[in-house]
């Protein structure tokens, strides 16, 4: 405890009341702090870095959305987007939230367009007509892809090869026809420069507004 020439070595000590009296009797001139008398308190935890906070908010936002806590999810995902303005992931998650939970097609367009602009991708649950297949229509900055749930072959078309994007207002044939017979479900329709075939996709939600959203996003990509 004592160094050369009776100097108290620098450090932290737990000193009893009797020890304090002894130190006083020896004539040491000590400056005590409350922390020194009681031992060093643990250092306070460091706040997370912006990147750590972003990852935490993104993970919690996705988890909240999955569990149905959509208001909390939206708040956390928006904060994540603010912390990482060049990352498409929170915008893609906000797109899905706006489309599937809130049915807010205006916000879905804004978030979807932003996710695509930043290099991400977004998706729609659809039914492809002719041949009929359930799957996911995915939009990215350079391509439109159809990924079937099973069985039927998928495809990818470069955005530059699309020559026509429109709403096909005819009645959707195939799987969705029997849900609401005769209803105009207004499929999103694509034509490719190198093919005569037209590709029609109807959202599984059956909402014409969702078909319009697909068309508007693809047009924005061109």
C-alpha atoms as a PDB file:
ATOM      1  CA  UNK A   1       0.000   0.000   0.000  1.00  0.00           C
ATOM      2  CA  UNK A   2       2.855   2.383   0.851  1.00  0.00           C
ATOM      3  CA  UNK A   3       5.482   3.169  -1.710  1.00  0.00           C
ATOM      4  CA  UNK A   4       8.991   4.558  -1.203  1.00  0.00           C
ATOM      5  CA  UNK A   5       9.339   7.350   1.347  1.00  0.00           C
ATOM      6  CA  UNK A   6       5.916   6.559   2.778  1.00  0.00           C
ATOM      7  CA  UNK A   7       4.047   7.700  -0.323  1.00  0.00           C
ATOM      8  CA  UNK A   8       0.672   6.048  -0.832  1.00  0.00           C
ATOM      9  CA  UNK A   9       0.659   4.385  -4.229  1.00  0.00           C
ATOM     10  CA  UNK A  10      -1.983   5.561  -6.658  1.00  0.00           C
ATOM     11  CA  UNK A  11      -4.935   3.257  -6.727  1.00  0.00           C
ATOM     12  CA  UNK A  12      -8.296   2.434  -5.255  1.00  0.00           C
ATOM     13  CA  UNK A  13      -8.614   1.068  -1.742  1.00  0.00           C
ATOM     14  CA  UNK A  14     -11.364  -0.125   0.525  1.00  0.00           C
ATOM     15  CA  UNK A  15     -10.548   1.446   3.875  1.00  0.00           C
ATOM     16  CA  UNK A  16     -12.242   0.653   7.188  1.00  0.00           C
ATOM     17  CA  UNK A  17     -13.115   3.257   9.780  1.00  0.00           C
ATOM     18  CA  UNK A  18     -10.163   2.073  11.905  1.00  0.00           C
ATOM     19  CA  UNK A  19      -7.896   2.439   8.894  1.00  0.00           C
ATOM     20  CA  UNK A  20      -9.048   5.973   8.356  1.00  0.00           C
ATOM     21  CA  UNK A  21      -8.226   6.839  11.982  1.00  0.00           C
ATOM     22  CA  UNK A  22      -4.759   5.293  11.567  1.00  0.00           C
ATOM     23  CA  UNK A  23      -4.120   7.284   8.388  1.00  0.00           C
ATOM     24  CA  UNK A  24      -5.187  10.446  10.180  1.00  0.00           C
ATOM     25  CA  UNK A  25      -2.877   9.702  13.114  1.00  0.00           C
ATOM     26  CA  UNK A  26       0.104   9.243  10.765  1.00  0.00           C
ATOM     27  CA  UNK A  27      -0.315  12.711   9.299  1.00  0.00           C
ATOM     28  CA  UNK A  28      -1.093  11.778   5.694  1.00  0.00           C
ATOM     29  CA  UNK A  29      -2.683  14.636   3.824  1.00  0.00           C
ATOM     30  CA  UNK A  30      -5.242  12.789   1.684  1.00  0.00           C
ATOM     31  CA  UNK A  31      -7.983  14.073  -0.577  1.00  0.00           C
ATOM     32  CA  UNK A  32     -10.787  11.530  -0.494  1.00  0.00           C
ATOM     33  CA  UNK A  33     -13.764  11.289  -2.754  1.00  0.00           C
ATOM     34  CA  UNK A  34     -16.927   9.445  -2.015  1.00  0.00           C
ATOM     35  CA  UNK A  35     -16.116   6.977  -4.806  1.00  0.00           C
ATOM     36  CA  UNK A  36     -12.657   6.373  -3.409  1.00  0.00           C
ATOM     37  CA  UNK A  37     -13.989   5.600   0.049  1.00  0.00           C
ATOM     38  CA  UNK A  38     -16.580   3.169  -1.209  1.00  0.00           C
ATOM     39  CA  UNK A  39     -14.657   1.644  -4.118  1.00  0.00           C
ATOM     40  CA  UNK A  40     -14.821   2.525  -7.810  1.00  0.00           C
ATOM     41  CA  UNK A  41     -18.284   2.453  -9.367  1.00  0.00           C
ATOM     42  CA  UNK A  42     -18.572   0.522 -12.654  1.00  0.00           C
ATOM     43  CA  UNK A  43     -18.284   2.673 -15.750  1.00  0.00           C
ATOM     44  CA  UNK A  44     -21.687   3.611 -17.213  1.00  0.00           C
ATOM     45  CA  UNK A  45     -22.646   1.648 -20.320  1.00  0.00           C
ATOM     46  CA  UNK A  46     -21.725   3.330 -23.580  1.00  0.00           C
ATOM     47  CA  UNK A  47     -24.617   4.288 -25.853  1.00  0.00           C
ATOM     48  CA  UNK A  48     -24.812   2.219 -29.059  1.00  0.00           C
ATOM     49  CA  UNK A  49     -23.195   3.629 -32.168  1.00  0.00           C
ATOM     50  CA  UNK A  50     -25.504   4.929 -34.920  1.00  0.00           C
ATOM     51  CA  UNK A  51     -24.860   1.756 -36.932  1.00  0.00           C
ATOM     52  CA  UNK A  52     -25.682  -0.474 -33.952  1.00  0.00           C
ATOM     53  CA  UNK A  53     -28.800   1.554 -33.234  1.00  0.00           C
ATOM     54  CA  UNK A  54     -29.847   1.284 -36.885  1.00  0.00           C
ATOM     55  CA  UNK A  55     -29.493  -2.503 -36.908  1.00  0.00           C
ATOM     56  CA  UNK A  56     -31.394  -2.763 -33.647  1.00  0.00           C
ATOM     57  CA  UNK A  57     -34.265  -0.598 -34.923  1.00  0.00           C
ATOM     58  CA  UNK A  58     -34.460  -2.479 -38.225  1.00  0.00           C
ATOM     59  CA  UNK A  59     -34.576  -5.877 -36.522  1.00  0.00           C
ATOM     60  CA  UNK A  60     -37.141  -4.723 -33.955  1.00  0.00           C
ATOM     61  CA  UNK A  61     -39.244  -3.026 -36.641  1.00  0.00           C
ATOM     62  CA  UNK A  62     -39.409  -6.174 -38.763  1.00  0.00           C
ATOM     63  CA  UNK A  63     -40.195  -8.261 -35.678  1.00  0.00           C
ATOM     64  CA  UNK A  64     -42.976  -5.882 -34.616  1.00  0.00           C
ATOM     65  CA  UNK A  65     -44.461  -5.922 -38.116  1.00  0.00           C
ATOM     66  CA  UNK A  66     -44.467  -9.718 -38.146  1.00  0.00           C
ATOM     67  CA  UNK A  67     -46.165  -9.874 -34.742  1.00  0.00           C
ATOM     68  CA  UNK A  68     -48.834  -7.335 -35.741  1.00  0.00           C
ATOM     69  CA  UNK A  69     -47.560  -4.372 -33.722  1.00  0.00           C
ATOM     70  CA  UNK A  70     -47.672  -2.238 -36.843  1.00  0.00           C
ATOM     71  CA  UNK A  71     -47.620   1.243 -35.308  1.00  0.00           C
ATOM     72  CA  UNK A  72     -44.440   0.506 -33.349  1.00  0.00           C
ATOM     73  CA  UNK A  73     -42.955  -1.170 -36.425  1.00  0.00           C
ATOM     74  CA  UNK A  74     -43.604   1.860 -38.589  1.00  0.00           C
ATOM     75  CA  UNK A  75     -42.040   4.217 -36.041  1.00  0.00           C
ATOM     76  CA  UNK A  76     -38.892   2.098 -35.658  1.00  0.00           C
ATOM     77  CA  UNK A  77     -38.461   1.551 -39.389  1.00  0.00           C
ATOM     78  CA  UNK A  78     -38.779   5.266 -40.103  1.00  0.00           C
ATOM     79  CA  UNK A  79     -36.116   6.009 -37.489  1.00  0.00           C
ATOM     80  CA  UNK A  80     -33.902   3.302 -39.032  1.00  0.00           C
ATOM     81  CA  UNK A  81     -34.339   4.929 -42.449  1.00  0.00           C
ATOM     82  CA  UNK A  82     -33.304   8.284 -40.942  1.00  0.00           C
ATOM     83  CA  UNK A  83     -30.137   6.775 -39.445  1.00  0.00           C
ATOM     84  CA  UNK A  84     -29.147   4.981 -42.679  1.00  0.00           C
ATOM     85  CA  UNK A  85     -30.489   7.117 -45.529  1.00  0.00           C
ATOM     86  CA  UNK A  86     -28.621   5.134 -48.204  1.00  0.00           C
ATOM     87  CA  UNK A  87     -29.793   1.685 -47.138  1.00  0.00           C
ATOM     88  CA  UNK A  88     -32.821   0.306 -49.028  1.00  0.00           C
ATOM     89  CA  UNK A  89     -33.776  -2.234 -46.334  1.00  0.00           C
ATOM     90  CA  UNK A  90     -35.933   0.009 -44.079  1.00  0.00           C
ATOM     91  CA  UNK A  91     -37.687   1.494 -47.115  1.00  0.00           C
ATOM     92  CA  UNK A  92     -38.462  -1.991 -48.451  1.00  0.00           C
ATOM     93  CA  UNK A  93     -39.862  -2.956 -45.053  1.00  0.00           C
ATOM     94  CA  UNK A  94     -41.926   0.250 -44.891  1.00  0.00           C
ATOM     95  CA  UNK A  95     -43.225  -0.508 -48.394  1.00  0.00           C
ATOM     96  CA  UNK A  96     -44.445  -3.940 -47.303  1.00  0.00           C
ATOM     97  CA  UNK A  97     -46.004  -2.451 -44.178  1.00  0.00           C
ATOM     98  CA  UNK A  98     -47.834   0.263 -46.119  1.00  0.00           C
ATOM     99  CA  UNK A  99     -49.046  -2.187 -48.770  1.00  0.00           C
ATOM    100  CA  UNK A 100     -49.995  -5.225 -46.737  1.00  0.00           C
ATOM    101  CA  UNK A 101     -51.048  -3.776 -43.374  1.00  0.00           C
ATOM    102  CA  UNK A 102     -52.220  -0.210 -43.962  1.00  0.00           C
ATOM    103  CA  UNK A 103     -53.330  -0.459 -47.617  1.00  0.00           C
ATOM    104  CA  UNK A 104     -51.803   2.978 -48.042  1.00  0.00           C
ATOM    105  CA  UNK A 105     -50.915   2.878 -51.736  1.00  0.00           C
ATOM    106  CA  UNK A 106     -49.494   6.403 -51.848  1.00  0.00           C
ATOM    107  CA  UNK A 107     -47.002   5.655 -49.078  1.00  0.00           C
ATOM    108  CA  UNK A 108     -46.288   2.248 -50.597  1.00  0.00           C
ATOM    109  CA  UNK A 109     -45.345   3.952 -53.864  1.00  0.00           C
ATOM    110  CA  UNK A 110     -43.018   6.438 -52.138  1.00  0.00           C
ATOM    111  CA  UNK A 111     -41.269   3.792 -50.029  1.00  0.00           C
ATOM    112  CA  UNK A 112     -41.122   1.261 -52.852  1.00  0.00           C
ATOM    113  CA  UNK A 113     -39.670   3.782 -55.299  1.00  0.00           C
ATOM    114  CA  UNK A 114     -37.068   4.821 -52.706  1.00  0.00           C
ATOM    115  CA  UNK A 115     -36.063   1.216 -51.998  1.00  0.00           C
ATOM    116  CA  UNK A 116     -35.621   0.559 -55.741  1.00  0.00           C
ATOM    117  CA  UNK A 117     -33.709   3.816 -56.253  1.00  0.00           C
ATOM    118  CA  UNK A 118     -31.238   2.801 -53.513  1.00  0.00           C
ATOM    119  CA  UNK A 119     -30.608  -0.581 -55.139  1.00  0.00           C
ATOM    120  CA  UNK A 120     -33.045  -2.746 -53.201  1.00  0.00           C
ATOM    121  CA  UNK A 121     -36.012  -4.792 -54.328  1.00  0.00           C
ATOM    122  CA  UNK A 122     -39.683  -5.032 -53.402  1.00  0.00           C
ATOM    123  CA  UNK A 123     -42.243  -7.748 -53.997  1.00  0.00           C
ATOM    124  CA  UNK A 124     -45.938  -8.439 -54.553  1.00  0.00           C
ATOM    125  CA  UNK A 125     -47.860 -11.649 -53.885  1.00  0.00           C
ATOM    126  CA  UNK A 126     -49.517 -12.346 -57.231  1.00  0.00           C
ATOM    127  CA  UNK A 127     -51.192 -14.881 -59.473  1.00  0.00           C
ATOM    128  CA  UNK A 128     -49.720 -15.230 -62.924  1.00  0.00           C
ATOM    129  CA  UNK A 129     -52.205 -15.951 -65.684  1.00  0.00           C
ATOM    130  CA  UNK A 130     -51.487 -18.279 -68.617  1.00  0.00           C
ATOM    131  CA  UNK A 131     -50.082 -20.486 -67.277  1.00  0.00           C
ATOM    132  CA  UNK A 132     -51.707 -20.002 -63.894  1.00  0.00           C
ATOM    133  CA  UNK A 133     -49.240 -19.952 -61.009  1.00  0.00           C
ATOM    134  CA  UNK A 134     -49.019 -18.444 -57.543  1.00  0.00           C
ATOM    135  CA  UNK A 135     -45.810 -16.603 -56.836  1.00  0.00           C
ATOM    136  CA  UNK A 136     -44.052 -13.350 -56.121  1.00  0.00           C
ATOM    137  CA  UNK A 137     -43.500 -10.508 -58.552  1.00  0.00           C
ATOM    138  CA  UNK A 138     -40.262  -8.724 -57.650  1.00  0.00           C
ATOM    139  CA  UNK A 139     -39.180  -5.285 -58.857  1.00  0.00           C
ATOM    140  CA  UNK A 140     -35.622  -3.997 -58.733  1.00  0.00           C
ATOM    141  CA  UNK A 141     -33.790  -1.167 -60.434  1.00  0.00           C
ATOM    142  CA  UNK A 142     -32.825  -3.265 -63.461  1.00  0.00           C
ATOM    143  CA  UNK A 143     -35.279  -6.153 -63.649  1.00  0.00           C
ATOM    144  CA  UNK A 144     -38.782  -7.521 -63.144  1.00  0.00           C
ATOM    145  CA  UNK A 145     -38.864 -11.112 -61.892  1.00  0.00           C
ATOM    146  CA  UNK A 146     -41.529 -13.705 -61.221  1.00  0.00           C
ATOM    147  CA  UNK A 147     -40.692 -16.349 -58.639  1.00  0.00           C
ATOM    148  CA  UNK A 148     -43.327 -19.116 -58.449  1.00  0.00           C
ATOM    149  CA  UNK A 149     -44.179 -20.650 -55.106  1.00  0.00           C
ATOM    150  CA  UNK A 150     -43.703 -24.068 -56.671  1.00  0.00           C
ATOM    151  CA  UNK A 151     -43.868 -25.979 -59.910  1.00  0.00           C
ATOM    152  CA  UNK A 152     -44.071 -23.445 -62.721  1.00  0.00           C
ATOM    153  CA  UNK A 153     -40.939 -21.857 -64.107  1.00  0.00           C
ATOM    154  CA  UNK A 154     -40.098 -18.300 -63.173  1.00  0.00           C
ATOM    155  CA  UNK A 155     -38.461 -15.655 -65.309  1.00  0.00           C
ATOM    156  CA  UNK A 156     -36.568 -12.379 -65.168  1.00  0.00           C
ATOM    157  CA  UNK A 157     -36.940  -9.555 -67.673  1.00  0.00           C
ATOM    158  CA  UNK A 158     -34.596  -6.577 -67.856  1.00  0.00           C
ATOM    159  CA  UNK A 159     -36.428  -3.267 -67.427  1.00  0.00           C
ATOM    160  CA  UNK A 160     -34.867  -2.004 -70.655  1.00  0.00           C
ATOM    161  CA  UNK A 161     -36.545  -4.877 -72.547  1.00  0.00           C
ATOM    162  CA  UNK A 162     -40.070  -3.975 -71.462  1.00  0.00           C
ATOM    163  CA  UNK A 163     -41.984  -2.316 -74.272  1.00  0.00           C
ATOM    164  CA  UNK A 164     -45.382  -1.961 -72.637  1.00  0.00           C
ATOM    165  CA  UNK A 165     -46.642  -1.779 -69.069  1.00  0.00           C
ATOM    166  CA  UNK A 166     -50.357  -1.331 -68.470  1.00  0.00           C
ATOM    167  CA  UNK A 167     -53.486  -2.415 -66.618  1.00  0.00           C
ATOM    168  CA  UNK A 168     -55.305  -5.286 -68.288  1.00  0.00           C
ATOM    169  CA  UNK A 169     -58.874  -4.574 -67.205  1.00  0.00           C
ATOM    170  CA  UNK A 170     -60.183  -7.904 -68.404  1.00  0.00           C
ATOM    171  CA  UNK A 171     -61.426 -10.480 -65.915  1.00  0.00           C
ATOM    172  CA  UNK A 172     -58.576 -12.533 -64.512  1.00  0.00           C
ATOM    173  CA  UNK A 173     -58.671 -16.136 -65.605  1.00  0.00           C
ATOM    174  CA  UNK A 174     -57.324 -18.954 -63.472  1.00  0.00           C
ATOM    175  CA  UNK A 175     -57.077 -19.252 -59.699  1.00  0.00           C
ATOM    176  CA  UNK A 176     -58.736 -16.012 -58.637  1.00  0.00           C
ATOM    177  CA  UNK A 177     -61.733 -16.322 -60.950  1.00  0.00           C
ATOM    178  CA  UNK A 178     -63.642 -18.472 -58.482  1.00  0.00           C
ATOM    179  CA  UNK A 179     -63.124 -16.120 -55.521  1.00  0.00           C
ATOM    180  CA  UNK A 180     -65.404 -13.372 -56.860  1.00  0.00           C
ATOM    181  CA  UNK A 181     -66.801 -14.504 -60.234  1.00  0.00           C
ATOM    182  CA  UNK A 182     -66.931 -11.810 -62.881  1.00  0.00           C
ATOM    183  CA  UNK A 183     -65.077  -9.173 -60.901  1.00  0.00           C
ATOM    184  CA  UNK A 184     -62.653  -7.027 -62.870  1.00  0.00           C
ATOM    185  CA  UNK A 185     -59.409  -7.560 -60.984  1.00  0.00           C
ATOM    186  CA  UNK A 186     -57.341  -5.519 -63.438  1.00  0.00           C
ATOM    187  CA  UNK A 187     -54.088  -7.427 -63.826  1.00  0.00           C
ATOM    188  CA  UNK A 188     -50.773  -5.617 -64.248  1.00  0.00           C
ATOM    189  CA  UNK A 189     -49.691  -6.451 -67.796  1.00  0.00           C
ATOM    190  CA  UNK A 190     -46.207  -6.545 -69.344  1.00  0.00           C
ATOM    191  CA  UNK A 191     -45.002  -6.986 -72.901  1.00  0.00           C
ATOM    192  CA  UNK A 192     -41.371  -7.714 -73.730  1.00  0.00           C
ATOM    193  CA  UNK A 193     -39.644  -6.354 -76.849  1.00  0.00           C
ATOM    194  CA  UNK A 194     -38.349  -9.741 -77.960  1.00  0.00           C
ATOM    195  CA  UNK A 195     -41.567 -11.713 -77.353  1.00  0.00           C
ATOM    196  CA  UNK A 196     -45.141 -11.669 -78.599  1.00  0.00           C
ATOM    197  CA  UNK A 197     -46.467 -13.013 -75.300  1.00  0.00           C
ATOM    198  CA  UNK A 198     -48.064 -10.762 -72.741  1.00  0.00           C
ATOM    199  CA  UNK A 199     -47.483 -11.390 -69.028  1.00  0.00           C
ATOM    200  CA  UNK A 200     -50.450 -10.726 -66.738  1.00  0.00           C
ATOM    201  CA  UNK A 201     -50.209 -10.635 -62.939  1.00  0.00           C
ATOM    202  CA  UNK A 202     -53.074 -10.103 -60.518  1.00  0.00           C
ATOM    203  CA  UNK A 203     -52.352  -9.265 -56.865  1.00  0.00           C
ATOM    204  CA  UNK A 204     -53.624 -11.951 -54.511  1.00  0.00           C
ATOM    205  CA  UNK A 205     -55.292  -9.181 -52.523  1.00  0.00           C
ATOM    206  CA  UNK A 206     -57.616  -8.665 -55.489  1.00  0.00           C
ATOM    207  CA  UNK A 207     -57.204  -4.872 -55.135  1.00  0.00           C
ATOM    208  CA  UNK A 208     -57.075  -2.984 -58.464  1.00  0.00           C
ATOM    209  CA  UNK A 209     -55.153  -0.256 -56.620  1.00  0.00           C
ATOM    210  CA  UNK A 210     -52.328  -2.727 -56.099  1.00  0.00           C
ATOM    211  CA  UNK A 211     -52.209  -3.474 -59.832  1.00  0.00           C
ATOM    212  CA  UNK A 212     -52.028   0.262 -60.486  1.00  0.00           C
ATOM    213  CA  UNK A 213     -49.186   0.478 -57.967  1.00  0.00           C
ATOM    214  CA  UNK A 214     -47.203  -2.200 -59.833  1.00  0.00           C
ATOM    215  CA  UNK A 215     -47.654  -0.339 -63.115  1.00  0.00           C
ATOM    216  CA  UNK A 216     -46.674   3.040 -61.630  1.00  0.00           C
ATOM    217  CA  UNK A 217     -43.522   1.622 -60.001  1.00  0.00           C
ATOM    218  CA  UNK A 218     -42.389  -0.120 -63.187  1.00  0.00           C
ATOM    219  CA  UNK A 219     -43.015   3.037 -65.200  1.00  0.00           C
ATOM    220  CA  UNK A 220     -40.919   4.983 -62.679  1.00  0.00           C
ATOM    221  CA  UNK A 221     -38.105   2.463 -63.161  1.00  0.00           C
ATOM    222  CA  UNK A 222     -37.991   2.949 -66.948  1.00  0.00           C
END
